[in-house]
Each structure stands twice: as C-alpha cells, then as structure tokens.
Amino acid sequence: MKKLCSITIAALHLLTADASVLQTDASQQLTSQLVMKGNVRATLAPPSPLIFKNTSPGKAIKPGTELRILPVGDSITYGFLSNQDGGDGNGYRLRLRENLSNDTVVFAGTITSPVGNMTDGYFAAWNGKTIQYIENNVGPSLDQRPNIILLHAGTNDMNPDSSISTEGNDPVAASRRLGSLIDKMIDSCPDAVILVAMIIGTCRVDQAPQTEMFQSLVPGVVMPRFQAGKHVLPVDFSTFALSNLRDCIHPTNPGYQLLGHYWYDFVAQIPQDWITEPVGDDPKRQDSFAMHLGTNTPLLMLLVSLFVLLHM
C-alpha cells in the first residue's frame, strides 16, 4: 500500500511538471482555477469570492502602473450620509486612496459629491437607483477607460418598495441585470479588472431575505465571464458587520472607513499581471472650486446673493 501511494504521488508530480500555475496574492482564492499549459489556458473551477484579509495599508499594488479606479454603484458608493455627524462626505474613497498611498491613483467617473472635500473624488453612482439605471447611465464614465472597476450594486433592487426597486425586487432577475451591467463594462473596458460585490447586508427584515439570496447569486453571475477569460472576480462583503450601518442600509462614518479598507483589501488581492496601464489620458477635470460650486446649488445661490448686495 505504501509503495502504491508513493507511485501515485510520483505520477501526480510528473503530470503537473509541465503546467505553470499562476502565482498571485490571490492564489488562495484562485487556487487551481487558471492553469497554463503550452499556449492553452484551461479554466478548472469557478472563481471563489475574494474574502476580506485585512491587508495592512500601504501595500504597493502595481509599482509603476497608474490605478485608474472607477467606483460604480448606488448611494453606498456615492457616500450618502457620510457628511453627517462630523463625517468628511467622501464615502469610502478617501480611505481607499490613503490605503493605496504607494500607488498612483486617479479616480474615474463623471459624478462627484458636493459635500466631500476631496479634489478628485469622482465616481459613477446614483442615490436610490437600481442596476438597470446604473447600466443606462454609466457609459460616459466607462469612456474614461478605468483599469479597475469597483462595482457594488443591487441594494435598491432588493427594496420591497416598488417606487425604488423599479424593475422589481426578485433576486434572480436582478442577478441577470447585474450580468448585463458587467457585460457592458467588459465591452467598454476589455482591459479593466472588475470586482463585483456580494453586496453589504441589511438589518431591514423586509429586505434581508432578498438581499441574502442576491448575495449568493453573485458568484454564479461572475463565473461564466471569468471562465471566458475576462478579468472579473466576485468579492465578499457579506462579512461587513451590520453594526457598521446607521440606518440598516448606509454605513456609519466609521463604517465608510471600513468599506474603503475592504475595497483596498480586495484590490490588493487582484492578480498583479491582470492590472495593465490604463488606456488613454487621464480624465480632464475642471478646477476643484468650480466643480464644487457647480454641484452645490445652495453655495452658488449664496455667492450670487452676496455679489448682488455688494453691487447695490
């Protein structure tokens, strides 16, 4: 029996000697999924969701390569309520940038928050909107050719209020819409890495069951794209504690900081050779003050009133 086991082990070594398994920081999550043999790539298994590893801030992700990051989603990506109770209004983006301190980071996107204090806190996210709305409106942001896309979408699709979940709150149907959104991203940015969130949970009892089912469907949505050779991976936010939510949906200020750390941790697990130099020039941005003025109607009205008073 011992001799048979030895022969079996030796045979396995011989069979695998000419295969080069891709080695990355995400190897434990992508174990035995991609194998190169000659010029042929075989996908051996569906991608396991990346799990939170609490990577220390400051790890260099891809030295010498710009990270042009596009955050995509709804109010959680927007940073809704992150300016309350002394918050900075930046959602998770400032923490993500700080954690990526040893990389060159440029945020892509056509939207910015009027309450945030970042000069470049751009994104593609809309408060209270569904996956379908995001797909219909994300195009101009994708045209900026990010090389990393952080997608957290589906929270509003699970809402029992039909005025919010405008396409219905069936998790299976929502997962199909998620797949369509991912395909749009792949078509527009074929060189980008797309991280797809198994979204943050909720403590709303009338929304939690649908949310949990939707979370469980995300890896299956990603699998056929991954098996087709696309650089798309599911990332698991289901471990994000509900105690970090202020209203059972949106993170508290510390919760947004933790959310940024989650995204950083997942970015740190991307296979390094997947990240390539972004296509084209960085997005053209207007002056920071002018940008905030143009998106902050109360401030604009105040300045106009002061101008009128000074010239009466």
Protein backbone atom coordinates (compact mmCIF):
# COMPACT_ATOMS: atom_id res chain seq x y z
CA MET A 1 0.00 0.00 0.00
CA LYS A 2 2.82 2.45 0.89
CA LYS A 3 4.54 1.62 -2.38
CA LEU A 4 1.30 2.25 -4.31
CA CYS A 5 0.85 5.64 -2.62
CA SER A 6 4.43 6.59 -3.48
CA ILE A 7 3.92 5.65 -7.12
CA THR A 8 0.66 7.63 -7.23
CA ILE A 9 2.30 10.71 -5.75
CA ALA A 10 5.21 10.47 -8.19
CA ALA A 11 2.81 10.16 -11.11
CA LEU A 12 0.93 13.26 -9.99
CA HIS A 13 4.20 15.19 -9.87
CA LEU A 14 5.02 14.11 -13.41
CA LEU A 15 1.58 15.09 -14.67
CA THR A 16 1.87 18.57 -13.25
CA ALA A 17 5.53 19.20 -14.03
CA ASP A 18 4.81 20.90 -17.37
CA ALA A 19 1.96 23.10 -16.05
CA SER A 20 2.63 26.61 -14.80
CA VAL A 21 0.07 27.67 -12.21
CA LEU A 22 -0.43 31.42 -11.99
CA GLN A 23 1.04 32.67 -8.71
CA THR A 24 -0.56 35.84 -7.26
CA ASP A 25 -1.52 37.35 -3.94
CA ALA A 26 -4.98 36.00 -4.63
CA SER A 27 -3.68 32.47 -5.09
CA GLN A 28 -5.59 31.05 -2.16
CA GLN A 29 -8.82 32.39 -3.67
CA LEU A 30 -8.00 31.40 -7.24
CA THR A 31 -6.36 28.06 -6.44
CA SER A 32 -6.25 25.74 -9.44
CA GLN A 33 -8.63 27.94 -11.44
CA LEU A 34 -6.25 29.12 -14.15
CA VAL A 35 -3.52 26.82 -15.45
CA MET A 36 -1.23 27.47 -18.41
CA LYS A 37 -0.02 24.53 -20.45
CA GLY A 38 1.75 25.48 -23.63
CA ASN A 39 -0.35 28.27 -25.16
CA VAL A 40 -3.66 26.91 -23.90
CA ARG A 41 -5.46 28.21 -20.86
CA ALA A 42 -7.93 25.91 -19.14
CA THR A 43 -10.38 27.11 -16.53
CA LEU A 44 -10.59 24.39 -13.92
CA ALA A 45 -13.10 25.80 -11.45
CA PRO A 46 -15.40 28.76 -10.85
CA PRO A 47 -13.83 31.72 -9.06
CA SER A 48 -14.13 31.66 -5.30
CA PRO A 49 -15.16 35.06 -3.94
CA LEU A 50 -12.28 37.08 -2.57
CA ILE A 51 -12.65 37.31 1.19
CA PHE A 52 -11.54 40.14 3.46
CA LYS A 53 -7.98 39.51 4.71
CA ASN A 54 -7.37 42.84 6.48
CA THR A 55 -4.30 43.67 4.40
CA SER A 56 -2.16 46.36 6.03
CA PRO A 57 -2.48 49.77 4.33
CA GLY A 58 0.31 50.86 2.03
CA LYS A 59 0.94 47.69 0.07
CA ALA A 60 2.10 48.62 -3.43
CA ILE A 61 -0.42 47.09 -5.84
CA LYS A 62 1.40 47.56 -9.17
CA PRO A 63 4.50 49.78 -8.91
CA GLY A 64 4.93 51.99 -11.96
CA THR A 65 1.36 51.44 -13.19
CA GLU A 66 -1.36 54.01 -12.60
CA LEU A 67 -4.51 52.72 -10.93
CA ARG A 68 -7.40 54.48 -12.66
CA ILE A 69 -10.21 53.36 -10.40
CA LEU A 70 -13.93 53.72 -11.16
CA PRO A 71 -16.30 53.19 -8.21
CA VAL A 72 -19.75 52.21 -9.54
CA GLY A 73 -23.00 51.76 -7.67
CA ASP A 74 -25.77 53.47 -5.76
CA SER A 75 -25.92 55.56 -2.58
CA ILE A 76 -23.46 53.33 -0.72
CA THR A 77 -20.87 54.08 -3.40
CA TYR A 78 -21.96 57.73 -3.54
CA GLY A 79 -21.30 58.06 0.18
CA PHE A 80 -24.81 59.03 1.23
CA LEU A 81 -24.91 60.44 4.79
CA SER A 82 -21.12 60.29 5.10
CA ASN A 83 -21.14 64.03 5.83
CA GLN A 84 -23.33 63.58 8.91
CA ASP A 85 -22.06 63.69 12.50
CA GLY A 86 -18.75 65.25 11.55
CA GLY A 87 -18.06 62.97 8.58
CA ASP A 88 -15.94 64.12 5.66
CA GLY A 89 -18.57 63.44 2.98
CA ASN A 90 -16.19 61.35 0.89
CA GLY A 91 -17.84 57.97 1.40
CA TYR A 92 -15.15 55.28 1.20
CA ARG A 93 -12.98 56.98 -1.43
CA LEU A 94 -10.58 58.96 0.74
CA ARG A 95 -9.78 55.93 2.90
CA LEU A 96 -9.22 53.85 -0.25
CA ARG A 97 -6.83 56.49 -1.62
CA GLU A 98 -4.97 56.71 1.70
CA ASN A 99 -4.56 52.94 1.88
CA LEU A 100 -3.18 52.98 -1.68
CA SER A 101 -0.52 55.50 -0.66
CA ASN A 102 2.26 53.69 -2.51
CA ASP A 103 0.43 53.69 -5.83
CA THR A 104 -0.55 56.42 -8.27
CA VAL A 105 -4.34 56.63 -8.04
CA VAL A 106 -6.72 58.53 -10.32
CA PHE A 107 -10.46 58.25 -9.75
CA ALA A 108 -12.52 57.93 -12.92
CA GLY A 109 -16.19 58.88 -13.18
CA THR A 110 -18.41 61.79 -14.09
CA ILE A 111 -20.07 62.30 -10.69
CA THR A 112 -18.71 63.94 -7.57
CA SER A 113 -20.24 64.73 -4.20
CA PRO A 114 -20.89 68.41 -3.35
CA VAL A 115 -20.28 67.67 0.35
CA GLY A 116 -16.97 65.81 0.06
CA ASN A 117 -13.63 67.57 0.49
CA MET A 118 -11.61 65.51 -1.98
CA THR A 119 -10.36 67.33 -5.06
CA ASP A 120 -10.65 64.19 -7.17
CA GLY A 121 -13.35 62.11 -5.50
CA TYR A 122 -15.07 61.06 -8.74
CA PHE A 123 -17.30 58.05 -9.24
CA ALA A 124 -20.34 56.72 -11.13
CA ALA A 125 -23.07 56.23 -8.55
CA TRP A 126 -26.61 57.44 -8.05
CA ASN A 127 -28.62 57.62 -4.85
CA GLY A 128 -31.68 55.39 -4.77
CA LYS A 129 -31.08 53.86 -8.20
CA THR A 130 -31.14 50.31 -9.46
CA ILE A 131 -28.79 48.17 -11.52
CA GLN A 132 -30.72 49.00 -14.69
CA TYR A 133 -30.41 52.73 -14.08
CA ILE A 134 -26.69 52.33 -13.47
CA GLU A 135 -26.27 50.43 -16.73
CA ASN A 136 -28.20 53.12 -18.60
CA ASN A 137 -26.03 55.93 -17.21
CA VAL A 138 -22.53 54.54 -16.61
CA GLY A 139 -21.38 54.83 -20.23
CA PRO A 140 -19.62 58.23 -20.05
CA SER A 141 -17.65 57.07 -17.02
CA LEU A 142 -16.59 53.88 -18.78
CA ASP A 143 -15.38 56.02 -21.68
CA GLN A 144 -12.65 57.29 -19.32
CA ARG A 145 -11.16 53.77 -19.52
CA PRO A 146 -10.52 52.78 -15.91
CA ASN A 147 -8.27 49.79 -15.38
CA ILE A 148 -10.01 48.83 -12.11
CA ILE A 149 -13.80 48.95 -11.60
CA LEU A 150 -15.33 48.55 -8.14
CA LEU A 151 -18.98 47.53 -8.59
CA HIS A 152 -21.39 47.50 -5.64
CA ALA A 153 -24.94 47.41 -6.98
CA GLY A 154 -28.23 45.72 -6.19
CA THR A 155 -29.21 47.17 -2.80
CA ASN A 156 -32.11 49.16 -4.25
CA ASP A 157 -33.16 46.24 -6.44
CA MET A 158 -33.89 44.30 -3.24
CA ASN A 159 -36.07 47.04 -1.72
CA PRO A 160 -39.72 45.96 -1.20
CA ASP A 161 -40.86 49.47 -2.18
CA SER A 162 -41.62 49.29 -5.91
CA SER A 163 -41.02 53.02 -6.30
CA ILE A 164 -37.36 52.25 -5.53
CA SER A 165 -36.96 48.75 -6.97
CA THR A 166 -38.42 49.95 -10.27
CA GLU A 167 -37.72 46.65 -12.07
CA GLY A 168 -38.99 44.53 -9.18
CA ASN A 169 -37.13 43.01 -6.25
CA ASP A 170 -36.72 39.43 -7.45
CA PRO A 171 -33.07 38.45 -6.73
CA VAL A 172 -32.80 36.14 -9.75
CA ALA A 173 -34.00 38.80 -12.18
CA ALA A 174 -31.69 41.34 -10.53
CA SER A 175 -28.75 38.96 -10.94
CA ARG A 176 -29.46 38.82 -14.67
CA ARG A 177 -29.43 42.61 -14.82
CA LEU A 178 -26.14 42.56 -12.93
CA GLY A 179 -24.71 40.25 -15.59
CA SER A 180 -25.83 42.66 -18.30
CA LEU A 181 -24.14 45.56 -16.49
CA ILE A 182 -20.91 43.56 -16.16
CA ASP A 183 -21.03 42.74 -19.88
CA LYS A 184 -21.38 46.44 -20.68
CA MET A 185 -18.28 47.11 -18.59
CA ILE A 186 -16.34 44.32 -20.28
CA ASP A 187 -17.31 45.56 -23.75
CA SER A 188 -16.38 49.17 -22.94
CA CYS A 189 -13.23 48.41 -20.92
CA PRO A 190 -11.91 45.00 -22.00
CA ASP A 191 -8.58 45.65 -20.30
CA ALA A 192 -10.10 46.51 -16.90
CA VAL A 193 -10.30 44.34 -13.80
CA ILE A 194 -13.88 44.29 -12.49
CA LEU A 195 -14.51 43.47 -8.84
CA VAL A 196 -18.17 42.62 -8.28
CA ALA A 197 -19.54 42.93 -4.76
CA MET A 198 -21.63 40.40 -2.97
CA ILE A 199 -23.31 43.45 -1.52
CA ILE A 200 -23.42 44.62 2.08
CA GLY A 201 -26.29 43.07 4.03
CA THR A 202 -29.17 44.84 5.71
CA CYS A 203 -30.97 44.61 9.05
CA ARG A 204 -34.32 45.53 7.46
CA VAL A 205 -36.41 42.44 8.00
CA ASP A 206 -38.47 43.04 4.84
CA GLN A 207 -35.37 43.32 2.68
CA ALA A 208 -32.85 40.96 4.25
CA PRO A 209 -34.09 37.67 2.68
CA GLN A 210 -33.89 39.05 -0.87
CA THR A 211 -30.50 40.60 -0.14
CA GLU A 212 -29.07 37.35 1.16
CA MET A 213 -30.29 35.46 -1.89
CA PHE A 214 -28.86 38.11 -4.21
CA GLN A 215 -25.51 37.91 -2.43
CA SER A 216 -25.43 34.16 -3.00
CA LEU A 217 -26.14 34.56 -6.73
CA VAL A 218 -23.28 36.95 -7.49
CA PRO A 219 -20.51 34.31 -7.84
CA GLY A 220 -22.67 32.44 -10.35
CA VAL A 221 -23.11 35.64 -12.36
CA VAL A 222 -19.36 36.19 -12.45
CA MET A 223 -18.42 32.56 -13.23
CA PRO A 224 -19.17 32.40 -16.99
CA ARG A 225 -17.40 35.72 -17.58
CA PHE A 226 -14.37 34.53 -15.64
CA GLN A 227 -14.36 31.21 -17.49
CA ALA A 228 -14.44 33.15 -20.77
CA GLY A 229 -11.13 34.72 -19.76
CA LYS A 230 -12.45 38.05 -18.52
CA HIS A 231 -10.74 39.73 -15.57
CA VAL A 232 -13.77 39.77 -13.30
CA LEU A 233 -13.99 38.48 -9.74
CA PRO A 234 -16.65 38.34 -7.02
CA VAL A 235 -15.74 39.96 -3.70
CA ASP A 236 -17.49 39.11 -0.45
CA PHE A 237 -18.96 41.96 1.59
CA SER A 238 -21.33 39.66 3.46
CA THR A 239 -18.90 39.73 6.39
CA PHE A 240 -19.30 43.52 6.70
CA ALA A 241 -20.98 43.70 10.12
CA LEU A 242 -24.47 45.18 10.23
CA SER A 243 -23.41 47.13 13.32
CA ASN A 244 -21.49 49.35 10.90
CA LEU A 245 -24.76 50.60 9.37
CA ARG A 246 -26.55 53.72 10.61
CA ASP A 247 -29.98 53.01 9.11
CA CYS A 248 -29.74 49.32 8.22
CA ILE A 249 -28.60 50.33 4.69
CA HIS A 250 -25.88 53.02 4.72
CA PRO A 251 -22.62 52.79 6.66
CA THR A 252 -21.84 54.96 9.64
CA ASN A 253 -18.82 57.25 9.32
CA PRO A 254 -16.53 54.53 10.74
CA GLY A 255 -18.41 52.09 8.53
CA TYR A 256 -17.48 54.04 5.40
CA GLN A 257 -13.85 53.98 6.53
CA LEU A 258 -14.08 50.22 6.91
CA LEU A 259 -15.74 49.95 3.50
CA GLY A 260 -12.76 51.73 1.95
CA HIS A 261 -10.45 49.31 3.72
CA TYR A 262 -12.48 46.36 2.37
CA TRP A 263 -12.14 47.65 -1.19
CA TYR A 264 -8.41 48.24 -0.70
CA ASP A 265 -8.02 44.70 0.63
CA PHE A 266 -9.77 43.26 -2.42
CA VAL A 267 -7.71 45.40 -4.81
CA ALA A 268 -4.59 44.09 -3.06
CA GLN A 269 -5.67 40.55 -3.99
CA ILE A 270 -6.00 41.19 -7.72
CA PRO A 271 -3.50 39.09 -9.70
CA GLN A 272 -0.81 41.65 -10.45
CA ASP A 273 -0.47 40.73 -14.12
CA TRP A 274 -4.16 41.49 -14.62
CA ILE A 275 -3.55 45.19 -13.97
CA THR A 276 -2.30 46.98 -17.07
CA GLU A 277 -1.59 50.63 -17.82
CA PRO A 278 -4.91 52.43 -18.40
CA VAL A 279 -5.84 53.30 -21.98
CA GLY A 280 -5.72 56.96 -22.97
CA ASP A 281 -5.14 60.12 -20.99
CA ASP A 282 -6.46 60.76 -17.51
CA PRO A 283 -9.93 62.35 -17.40
CA LYS A 284 -9.95 66.10 -17.97
CA ARG A 285 -11.17 67.82 -14.83
CA GLN A 286 -12.35 71.36 -14.21
CA ASP A 287 -10.98 73.44 -11.35
CA SER A 288 -11.83 71.90 -7.97
CA PHE A 289 -13.59 75.04 -6.65
CA ALA A 290 -15.56 75.44 -9.85
CA MET A 291 -16.50 71.77 -9.71
CA HIS A 292 -17.87 72.02 -6.18
CA LEU A 293 -19.61 75.29 -6.98
CA GLY A 294 -21.32 73.79 -9.99
CA THR A 295 -22.71 70.88 -7.95
CA ASN A 296 -23.60 72.86 -4.82
CA THR A 297 -26.72 74.91 -5.55
CA PRO A 298 -27.04 76.50 -2.05
CA LEU A 299 -23.46 77.72 -2.18
CA LEU A 300 -23.97 79.08 -5.68
CA MET A 301 -27.10 80.97 -4.60
CA LEU A 302 -25.32 82.40 -1.56
CA LEU A 303 -22.45 83.70 -3.66
CA VAL A 304 -24.85 85.26 -6.17
CA SER A 305 -26.73 87.00 -3.34
CA LEU A 306 -23.50 88.36 -1.87
CA PHE A 307 -22.44 89.64 -5.28
CA VAL A 308 -25.77 91.45 -5.71
CA LEU A 309 -25.58 93.00 -2.21
CA LEU A 310 -22.02 94.24 -2.79
CA HIS A 311 -23.00 95.93 -6.02
CA MET A 312 -26.23 97.61 -4.92
